PDB file of all heavy atoms in Angstrom:
ATOM      1  N   VAL A   1      15.727   6.205 -16.295  1.00  0.00           N
ATOM      2  CA  VAL A   1      14.250   6.604 -16.413  1.00  0.00           C
ATOM      3  C   VAL A   1      13.316   5.452 -15.950  1.00  0.00           C
ATOM      4  O   VAL A   1      12.480   5.626 -15.107  1.00  0.00           O
ATOM      5  CB  VAL A   1      13.848   7.097 -17.760  1.00  0.00           C
ATOM      6  CG1 VAL A   1      12.457   7.057 -17.988  1.00  0.00           C
ATOM      7  CG2 VAL A   1      14.527   8.322 -18.179  1.00  0.00           C
ATOM      8  N   GLU A   2      13.722   4.280 -16.418  1.00  0.00           N
ATOM      9  CA  GLU A   2      12.976   3.041 -16.019  1.00  0.00           C
ATOM     10  C   GLU A   2      13.023   2.843 -14.426  1.00  0.00           C
ATOM     11  O   GLU A   2      12.034   2.462 -13.912  1.00  0.00           O
ATOM     12  CB  GLU A   2      13.431   1.797 -16.774  1.00  0.00           C
ATOM     13  CG  GLU A   2      13.042   1.778 -18.308  1.00  0.00           C
ATOM     14  CD  GLU A   2      13.700   0.757 -19.046  1.00  0.00           C
ATOM     15  OE1 GLU A   2      14.022  -0.373 -18.399  1.00  0.00           O
ATOM     16  OE2 GLU A   2      13.745   0.787 -20.285  1.00  0.00           O
ATOM     17  N   ILE A   3      14.220   3.030 -13.944  1.00  0.00           N
ATOM     18  CA  ILE A   3      14.348   2.843 -12.514  1.00  0.00           C
ATOM     19  C   ILE A   3      13.576   3.835 -11.782  1.00  0.00           C
ATOM     20  O   ILE A   3      12.853   3.476 -10.699  1.00  0.00           O
ATOM     21  CB  ILE A   3      15.899   2.949 -12.139  1.00  0.00           C
ATOM     22  CG1 ILE A   3      16.604   1.617 -12.623  1.00  0.00           C
ATOM     23  CG2 ILE A   3      16.071   3.022 -10.622  1.00  0.00           C
ATOM     24  CD1 ILE A   3      18.122   1.712 -12.515  1.00  0.00           C
ATOM     25  N   ARG A   4      13.479   5.121 -12.202  1.00  0.00           N
ATOM     26  CA  ARG A   4      12.693   6.090 -11.536  1.00  0.00           C
ATOM     27  C   ARG A   4      11.183   5.631 -11.553  1.00  0.00           C
ATOM     28  O   ARG A   4      10.567   5.821 -10.543  1.00  0.00           O
ATOM     29  CB  ARG A   4      12.924   7.461 -12.071  1.00  0.00           C
ATOM     30  CG  ARG A   4      14.166   8.165 -11.578  1.00  0.00           C
ATOM     31  CD  ARG A   4      14.178   9.696 -11.991  1.00  0.00           C
ATOM     32  NE  ARG A   4      14.001  10.019 -13.390  1.00  0.00           N
ATOM     33  CZ  ARG A   4      14.988   9.965 -14.348  1.00  0.00           C
ATOM     34  NH1 ARG A   4      16.234   9.858 -13.960  1.00  0.00           N
ATOM     35  NH2 ARG A   4      14.716  10.264 -15.554  1.00  0.00           N
ATOM     36  N   VAL A   5      10.742   5.245 -12.680  1.00  0.00           N
ATOM     37  CA  VAL A   5       9.332   4.851 -12.818  1.00  0.00           C
ATOM     38  C   VAL A   5       9.039   3.619 -11.941  1.00  0.00           C
ATOM     39  O   VAL A   5       8.045   3.679 -11.193  1.00  0.00           O
ATOM     40  CB  VAL A   5       9.082   4.383 -14.358  1.00  0.00           C
ATOM     41  CG1 VAL A   5       7.709   3.634 -14.403  1.00  0.00           C
ATOM     42  CG2 VAL A   5       9.106   5.685 -15.216  1.00  0.00           C
ATOM     43  N   ILE A   6       9.986   2.711 -11.892  1.00  0.00           N
ATOM     44  CA  ILE A   6       9.734   1.536 -10.976  1.00  0.00           C
ATOM     45  C   ILE A   6       9.682   1.991  -9.508  1.00  0.00           C
ATOM     46  O   ILE A   6       8.928   1.575  -8.770  1.00  0.00           O
ATOM     47  CB  ILE A   6      10.892   0.382 -11.186  1.00  0.00           C
ATOM     48  CG1 ILE A   6      10.650  -0.233 -12.542  1.00  0.00           C
ATOM     49  CG2 ILE A   6      10.791  -0.615 -10.052  1.00  0.00           C
ATOM     50  CD1 ILE A   6      11.799  -1.085 -12.998  1.00  0.00           C
ATOM     51  N   LYS A   7      10.711   2.836  -9.125  1.00  0.00           N
ATOM     52  CA  LYS A   7      10.643   3.321  -7.715  1.00  0.00           C
ATOM     53  C   LYS A   7       9.413   4.063  -7.324  1.00  0.00           C
ATOM     54  O   LYS A   7       8.886   3.854  -6.286  1.00  0.00           O
ATOM     55  CB  LYS A   7      11.859   4.301  -7.465  1.00  0.00           C
ATOM     56  CG  LYS A   7      13.206   3.559  -7.415  1.00  0.00           C
ATOM     57  CD  LYS A   7      14.377   4.431  -7.099  1.00  0.00           C
ATOM     58  CE  LYS A   7      15.604   3.670  -6.826  1.00  0.00           C
ATOM     59  NZ  LYS A   7      16.803   4.531  -6.623  1.00  0.00           N
ATOM     60  N   THR A   8       8.908   4.784  -8.312  1.00  0.00           N
ATOM     61  CA  THR A   8       7.582   5.582  -8.041  1.00  0.00           C
ATOM     62  C   THR A   8       6.391   4.546  -7.859  1.00  0.00           C
ATOM     63  O   THR A   8       5.639   4.662  -6.931  1.00  0.00           O
ATOM     64  CB  THR A   8       7.310   6.470  -9.295  1.00  0.00           C
ATOM     65  OG1 THR A   8       8.393   7.491  -9.352  1.00  0.00           O
ATOM     66  CG2 THR A   8       5.918   7.174  -9.086  1.00  0.00           C
ATOM     67  N   LYS A   9       6.407   3.514  -8.770  1.00  0.00           N
ATOM     68  CA  LYS A   9       5.371   2.476  -8.582  1.00  0.00           C
ATOM     69  C   LYS A   9       5.578   1.707  -7.248  1.00  0.00           C
ATOM     70  O   LYS A   9       4.592   1.416  -6.622  1.00  0.00           O
ATOM     71  CB  LYS A   9       5.536   1.462  -9.753  1.00  0.00           C
ATOM     72  CG  LYS A   9       5.034   2.025 -11.105  1.00  0.00           C
ATOM     73  CD  LYS A   9       5.223   1.008 -12.188  1.00  0.00           C
ATOM     74  CE  LYS A   9       4.685   1.518 -13.476  1.00  0.00           C
ATOM     75  NZ  LYS A   9       4.921   0.463 -14.559  1.00  0.00           N
ATOM     76  N   MET A  10       6.747   1.454  -6.910  1.00  0.00           N
ATOM     77  CA  MET A  10       7.057   0.821  -5.589  1.00  0.00           C
ATOM     78  C   MET A  10       6.494   1.628  -4.335  1.00  0.00           C
ATOM     79  O   MET A  10       5.906   1.004  -3.470  1.00  0.00           O
ATOM     80  CB  MET A  10       8.496   0.457  -5.356  1.00  0.00           C
ATOM     81  CG  MET A  10       9.055  -0.671  -6.208  1.00  0.00           C
ATOM     82  SD  MET A  10      10.824  -0.984  -6.076  1.00  0.00           S
ATOM     83  CE  MET A  10      11.011  -1.184  -4.338  1.00  0.00           C
ATOM     84  N   GLN A  11       6.763   2.948  -4.436  1.00  0.00           N
ATOM     85  CA  GLN A  11       6.276   3.872  -3.428  1.00  0.00           C
ATOM     86  C   GLN A  11       4.740   3.786  -3.339  1.00  0.00           C
ATOM     87  O   GLN A  11       4.143   3.731  -2.304  1.00  0.00           O
ATOM     88  CB  GLN A  11       6.790   5.218  -3.680  1.00  0.00           C
ATOM     89  CG  GLN A  11       8.217   5.411  -3.401  1.00  0.00           C
ATOM     90  CD  GLN A  11       8.785   6.711  -3.770  1.00  0.00           C
ATOM     91  OE1 GLN A  11       8.102   7.514  -4.465  1.00  0.00           O
ATOM     92  NE2 GLN A  11       9.945   7.115  -3.358  1.00  0.00           N
ATOM     93  N   GLN A  12       4.169   3.822  -4.509  1.00  0.00           N
ATOM     94  CA  GLN A  12       2.706   3.724  -4.608  1.00  0.00           C
ATOM     95  C   GLN A  12       2.099   2.509  -3.992  1.00  0.00           C
ATOM     96  O   GLN A  12       1.149   2.417  -3.312  1.00  0.00           O
ATOM     97  CB  GLN A  12       2.198   4.010  -5.993  1.00  0.00           C
ATOM     98  CG  GLN A  12       0.738   4.065  -6.159  1.00  0.00           C
ATOM     99  CD  GLN A  12       0.089   5.221  -5.285  1.00  0.00           C
ATOM    100  OE1 GLN A  12       0.537   6.324  -5.412  1.00  0.00           O
ATOM    101  NE2 GLN A  12      -0.944   4.942  -4.530  1.00  0.00           N
ATOM    102  N   LEU A  13       2.799   1.373  -4.406  1.00  0.00           N
ATOM    103  CA  LEU A  13       2.371   0.074  -3.946  1.00  0.00           C
ATOM    104  C   LEU A  13       2.502  -0.039  -2.430  1.00  0.00           C
ATOM    105  O   LEU A  13       1.736  -0.575  -1.765  1.00  0.00           O
ATOM    106  CB  LEU A  13       3.134  -1.057  -4.635  1.00  0.00           C
ATOM    107  CG  LEU A  13       2.776  -1.316  -6.079  1.00  0.00           C
ATOM    108  CD1 LEU A  13       3.768  -2.264  -6.695  1.00  0.00           C
ATOM    109  CD2 LEU A  13       1.295  -1.860  -6.138  1.00  0.00           C
ATOM    110  N   THR A  14       3.616   0.438  -1.913  1.00  0.00           N
ATOM    111  CA  THR A  14       3.852   0.403  -0.400  1.00  0.00           C
ATOM    112  C   THR A  14       2.796   1.262   0.253  1.00  0.00           C
ATOM    113  O   THR A  14       2.270   0.822   1.221  1.00  0.00           O
ATOM    114  CB  THR A  14       5.234   1.149  -0.178  1.00  0.00           C
ATOM    115  OG1 THR A  14       6.222   0.265  -0.792  1.00  0.00           O
ATOM    116  CG2 THR A  14       5.575   1.064   1.322  1.00  0.00           C
ATOM    117  N   ALA A  15       2.514   2.399  -0.278  1.00  0.00           N
ATOM    118  CA  ALA A  15       1.359   3.231   0.267  1.00  0.00           C
ATOM    119  C   ALA A  15      -0.024   2.484   0.193  1.00  0.00           C
ATOM    120  O   ALA A  15      -0.719   2.451   1.254  1.00  0.00           O
ATOM    121  CB  ALA A  15       1.254   4.541  -0.350  1.00  0.00           C
ATOM    122  N   ASP A  16      -0.252   1.812  -0.960  1.00  0.00           N
ATOM    123  CA  ASP A  16      -1.511   1.072  -1.102  1.00  0.00           C
ATOM    124  C   ASP A  16      -1.623   0.003  -0.125  1.00  0.00           C
ATOM    125  O   ASP A  16      -2.636  -0.357   0.455  1.00  0.00           O
ATOM    126  CB  ASP A  16      -1.663   0.496  -2.564  1.00  0.00           C
ATOM    127  CG  ASP A  16      -1.901   1.583  -3.482  1.00  0.00           C
ATOM    128  OD1 ASP A  16      -2.201   2.841  -3.077  1.00  0.00           O
ATOM    129  OD2 ASP A  16      -1.837   1.440  -4.718  1.00  0.00           O
ATOM    130  N   LEU A  17      -0.430  -0.862   0.000  1.00  0.00           N
ATOM    131  CA  LEU A  17      -0.357  -1.902   0.943  1.00  0.00           C
ATOM    132  C   LEU A  17      -0.614  -1.524   2.388  1.00  0.00           C
ATOM    133  O   LEU A  17      -1.430  -2.095   3.152  1.00  0.00           O
ATOM    134  CB  LEU A  17       1.013  -2.606   0.894  1.00  0.00           C
ATOM    135  CG  LEU A  17       1.308  -3.718   1.830  1.00  0.00           C
ATOM    136  CD1 LEU A  17       0.291  -4.874   1.673  1.00  0.00           C
ATOM    137  CD2 LEU A  17       2.721  -4.192   1.691  1.00  0.00           C
ATOM    138  N   ALA A  18      -0.062  -0.436   2.855  1.00  0.00           N
ATOM    139  CA  ALA A  18      -0.262   0.131   4.149  1.00  0.00           C
ATOM    140  C   ALA A  18      -1.751   0.523   4.390  1.00  0.00           C
ATOM    141  O   ALA A  18      -2.366   0.177   5.451  1.00  0.00           O
ATOM    142  CB  ALA A  18       0.655   1.310   4.420  1.00  0.00           C
ATOM    143  N   SER A  19      -2.371   1.011   3.393  1.00  0.00           N
ATOM    144  CA  SER A  19      -3.740   1.453   3.424  1.00  0.00           C
ATOM    145  C   SER A  19      -4.623   0.209   3.561  1.00  0.00           C
ATOM    146  O   SER A  19      -5.536   0.126   4.458  1.00  0.00           O
ATOM    147  CB  SER A  19      -4.137   2.299   2.214  1.00  0.00           C
ATOM    148  OG  SER A  19      -5.486   2.561   2.201  1.00  0.00           O
ATOM    149  N   LYS A  20      -4.409  -0.809   2.784  1.00  0.00           N
ATOM    150  CA  LYS A  20      -5.153  -1.976   2.766  1.00  0.00           C
ATOM    151  C   LYS A  20      -4.991  -2.745   4.069  1.00  0.00           C
ATOM    152  O   LYS A  20      -5.938  -3.288   4.623  1.00  0.00           O
ATOM    153  CB  LYS A  20      -4.772  -2.889   1.603  1.00  0.00           C
ATOM    154  CG  LYS A  20      -5.050  -2.359   0.220  1.00  0.00           C
ATOM    155  CD  LYS A  20      -6.554  -2.060   0.048  1.00  0.00           C
ATOM    156  CE  LYS A  20      -6.670  -1.460  -1.406  1.00  0.00           C
ATOM    157  NZ  LYS A  20      -8.114  -1.080  -1.663  1.00  0.00           N
ATOM    158  N   GLU A  21      -3.708  -2.775   4.584  1.00  0.00           N
ATOM    159  CA  GLU A  21      -3.557  -3.467   5.873  1.00  0.00           C
ATOM    160  C   GLU A  21      -4.310  -2.782   7.035  1.00  0.00           C
ATOM    161  O   GLU A  21      -4.877  -3.360   7.887  1.00  0.00           O
ATOM    162  CB  GLU A  21      -2.065  -3.518   6.264  1.00  0.00           C
ATOM    163  CG  GLU A  21      -1.272  -4.578   5.362  1.00  0.00           C
ATOM    164  CD  GLU A  21       0.218  -4.585   5.549  1.00  0.00           C
ATOM    165  OE1 GLU A  21       0.782  -3.488   6.003  1.00  0.00           O
ATOM    166  OE2 GLU A  21       0.768  -5.594   5.283  1.00  0.00           O
ATOM    167  N   SER A  22      -4.320  -1.405   7.063  1.00  0.00           N
ATOM    168  CA  SER A  22      -4.966  -0.679   7.975  1.00  0.00           C
ATOM    169  C   SER A  22      -6.611  -0.900   7.916  1.00  0.00           C
ATOM    170  O   SER A  22      -7.203  -1.051   8.893  1.00  0.00           O
ATOM    171  CB  SER A  22      -4.646   0.842   7.756  1.00  0.00           C
ATOM    172  OG  SER A  22      -5.523   1.656   8.649  1.00  0.00           O
ATOM    173  N   HIS A  23      -7.030  -0.937   6.727  1.00  0.00           N
ATOM    174  CA  HIS A  23      -8.455  -1.254   6.509  1.00  0.00           C
ATOM    175  C   HIS A  23      -8.747  -2.598   7.002  1.00  0.00           C
ATOM    176  O   HIS A  23      -9.818  -2.766   7.609  1.00  0.00           O
ATOM    177  CB  HIS A  23      -8.795  -1.007   5.020  1.00  0.00           C
ATOM    178  CG  HIS A  23     -10.190  -1.057   4.692  1.00  0.00           C
ATOM    179  ND1 HIS A  23     -10.834  -1.269   3.484  1.00  0.00           N
ATOM    180  CD2 HIS A  23     -11.394  -0.940   5.514  1.00  0.00           C
ATOM    181  CE1 HIS A  23     -12.090  -1.271   3.507  1.00  0.00           C
ATOM    182  NE2 HIS A  23     -12.511  -1.140   4.765  1.00  0.00           N
ATOM    183  N   LEU A  24      -7.886  -3.514   6.631  1.00  0.00           N
ATOM    184  CA  LEU A  24      -8.139  -4.912   7.207  1.00  0.00           C
ATOM    185  C   LEU A  24      -8.129  -5.005   8.602  1.00  0.00           C
ATOM    186  O   LEU A  24      -9.046  -5.700   9.153  1.00  0.00           O
ATOM    187  CB  LEU A  24      -6.989  -5.834   6.570  1.00  0.00           C
ATOM    188  CG  LEU A  24      -7.097  -7.264   7.010  1.00  0.00           C
ATOM    189  CD1 LEU A  24      -8.335  -7.985   6.651  1.00  0.00           C
ATOM    190  CD2 LEU A  24      -5.766  -8.084   6.576  1.00  0.00           C
ATOM    191  N   HIS A  25      -7.311  -4.310   9.273  1.00  0.00           N
ATOM    192  CA  HIS A  25      -7.248  -4.365  10.840  1.00  0.00           C
ATOM    193  C   HIS A  25      -8.588  -3.743  11.340  1.00  0.00           C
ATOM    194  O   HIS A  25      -9.135  -4.288  12.328  1.00  0.00           O
ATOM    195  CB  HIS A  25      -6.120  -3.572  11.387  1.00  0.00           C
ATOM    196  CG  HIS A  25      -4.798  -4.303  11.132  1.00  0.00           C
ATOM    197  ND1 HIS A  25      -4.491  -5.575  11.519  1.00  0.00           N
ATOM    198  CD2 HIS A  25      -3.600  -3.826  10.606  1.00  0.00           C
ATOM    199  CE1 HIS A  25      -3.278  -5.882  11.197  1.00  0.00           C
ATOM    200  NE2 HIS A  25      -2.725  -4.819  10.499  1.00  0.00           N
ATOM    201  N   LYS A  26      -9.084  -2.651  10.642  1.00  0.00           N
ATOM    202  CA  LYS A  26     -10.373  -2.121  11.173  1.00  0.00           C
ATOM    203  C   LYS A  26     -11.509  -3.010  10.935  1.00  0.00           C
ATOM    204  O   LYS A  26     -12.442  -3.213  11.745  1.00  0.00           O
ATOM    205  CB  LYS A  26     -10.639  -0.862  10.316  1.00  0.00           C
ATOM    206  CG  LYS A  26      -9.747   0.378  10.766  1.00  0.00           C
ATOM    207  CD  LYS A  26      -9.955   1.540   9.941  1.00  0.00           C
ATOM    208  CE  LYS A  26      -8.922   2.641  10.296  1.00  0.00           C
ATOM    209  NZ  LYS A  26      -9.067   3.845   9.437  1.00  0.00           N
ATOM    210  N   VAL A  27     -11.529  -3.771   9.793  1.00  0.00           N
ATOM    211  CA  VAL A  27     -12.562  -4.657   9.455  1.00  0.00           C
ATOM    212  C   VAL A  27     -12.520  -5.793  10.429  1.00  0.00           C
ATOM    213  O   VAL A  27     -13.482  -6.339  10.955  1.00  0.00           O
ATOM    214  CB  VAL A  27     -12.486  -5.170   7.947  1.00  0.00           C
ATOM    215  CG1 VAL A  27     -13.355  -6.371   7.747  1.00  0.00           C
ATOM    216  CG2 VAL A  27     -12.879  -4.036   7.009  1.00  0.00           C
ATOM    217  N   GLU A  28     -11.275  -6.351  10.761  1.00  0.00           N
ATOM    218  CA  GLU A  28     -11.200  -7.514  11.707  1.00  0.00           C
ATOM    219  C   GLU A  28     -11.665  -7.003  13.163  1.00  0.00           C
ATOM    220  O   GLU A  28     -12.317  -7.862  13.737  1.00  0.00           O
ATOM    221  CB  GLU A  28      -9.661  -7.921  11.788  1.00  0.00           C
ATOM    222  CG  GLU A  28      -9.242  -8.659  10.593  1.00  0.00           C
ATOM    223  CD  GLU A  28      -7.789  -9.019  10.513  1.00  0.00           C
ATOM    224  OE1 GLU A  28      -7.002  -8.437  11.127  1.00  0.00           O
ATOM    225  OE2 GLU A  28      -7.494  -9.986   9.796  1.00  0.00           O
ATOM    226  N   ALA A  29     -11.262  -5.894  13.441  1.00  0.00           N
ATOM    227  CA  ALA A  29     -11.745  -5.346  14.767  1.00  0.00           C
ATOM    228  C   ALA A  29     -13.295  -5.209  14.816  1.00  0.00           C
ATOM    229  O   ALA A  29     -13.959  -5.736  15.833  1.00  0.00           O
ATOM    230  CB  ALA A  29     -11.094  -3.966  15.108  1.00  0.00           C
ATOM    231  N   GLU A  30     -13.890  -4.727  13.743  1.00  0.00           N
ATOM    232  CA  GLU A  30     -15.433  -4.602  13.738  1.00  0.00           C
ATOM    233  C   GLU A  30     -15.962  -5.968  13.689  1.00  0.00           C
ATOM    234  O   GLU A  30     -17.018  -6.245  14.403  1.00  0.00           O
ATOM    235  CB  GLU A  30     -15.741  -3.849  12.491  1.00  0.00           C
ATOM    236  CG  GLU A  30     -17.258  -3.577  12.508  1.00  0.00           C
ATOM    237  CD  GLU A  30     -17.637  -2.721  11.265  1.00  0.00           C
ATOM    238  OE1 GLU A  30     -16.761  -2.208  10.448  1.00  0.00           O
ATOM    239  OE2 GLU A  30     -18.797  -2.684  10.947  1.00  0.00           O
ATOM    240  N   LEU A  31     -15.376  -6.930  13.013  1.00  0.00           N
ATOM    241  CA  LEU A  31     -15.846  -8.328  12.895  1.00  0.00           C
ATOM    242  C   LEU A  31     -15.881  -8.907  14.376  1.00  0.00           C
ATOM    243  O   LEU A  31     -16.852  -9.522  14.854  1.00  0.00           O
ATOM    244  CB  LEU A  31     -15.067  -9.119  11.957  1.00  0.00           C
ATOM    245  CG  LEU A  31     -15.371 -10.707  11.859  1.00  0.00           C
ATOM    246  CD1 LEU A  31     -16.794 -10.766  11.348  1.00  0.00           C
ATOM    247  CD2 LEU A  31     -14.395 -11.302  10.979  1.00  0.00           C
TER     248      LEU A  31
END
């Protein structure tokens, strides 16, 4: 159960990271 919870959190963090990196690239391009 703990491993499933951690894997779910890791997937969410991976998605959040990709989103933030994409946003950063857009901000850098606009800058």
